[in-house]
Amino acid sequence: MLMLFSPFISNLLRNHRIDAVLQMYWNYALFQKKKKTKKTRK
């Protein structure tokens, strides 16, 4: 999955849109965390 996004991310980095990449990654990480906590809690 990461390989799929690497060209997109490198393109953003070339355009100096690092803040956008970090924001996207942060949102994804939070989404994954929420999914995990929901799964572990029964």
Protein backbone atom coordinates (compact mmCIF):
# COMPACT_ATOMS: atom_id res chain seq x y z
CA MET A 1 0.00 0.00 0.00
CA LEU A 2 2.84 2.37 0.85
CA MET A 3 4.48 1.63 -2.51
CA LEU A 4 1.27 2.75 -4.21
CA PHE A 5 1.40 6.15 -2.51
CA SER A 6 5.17 6.74 -2.73
CA PRO A 7 5.06 8.48 -6.16
CA PHE A 8 2.20 10.67 -4.93
CA ILE A 9 4.08 11.57 -1.74
CA SER A 10 7.36 12.24 -3.57
CA ASN A 11 5.44 14.50 -5.97
CA LEU A 12 4.00 16.45 -3.03
CA LEU A 13 7.45 16.72 -1.47
CA ARG A 14 8.79 18.08 -4.75
CA ASN A 15 6.05 20.70 -4.63
CA HIS A 16 7.04 21.54 -1.03
CA ARG A 17 3.69 20.35 0.28
CA ILE A 18 5.23 18.50 3.22
CA ASP A 19 2.60 19.93 5.59
CA ALA A 20 -0.15 18.34 3.48
CA VAL A 21 1.62 14.97 3.55
CA LEU A 22 2.07 15.11 7.32
CA GLN A 23 -1.57 16.09 7.78
CA MET A 24 -2.71 13.21 5.59
CA TYR A 25 -0.46 10.74 7.44
CA TRP A 26 -1.60 12.06 10.84
CA ASN A 27 -5.28 11.69 9.90
CA TYR A 28 -4.61 8.15 8.64
CA ALA A 29 -2.74 7.24 11.84
CA LEU A 30 -5.59 8.57 14.00
CA PHE A 31 -8.10 6.64 11.89
CA GLN A 32 -6.10 3.42 12.33
CA LYS A 33 -5.84 4.02 16.08
CA LYS A 34 -9.60 4.52 16.37
CA LYS A 35 -10.22 1.31 14.41
CA LYS A 36 -7.84 -0.64 16.65
CA THR A 37 -9.31 0.67 19.92
CA LYS A 38 -12.80 -0.16 18.71
CA LYS A 39 -11.72 -3.71 17.86
CA THR A 40 -9.94 -4.39 21.15
CA ARG A 41 -12.82 -3.05 23.25
CA LYS A 42 -15.65 -5.55 23.59
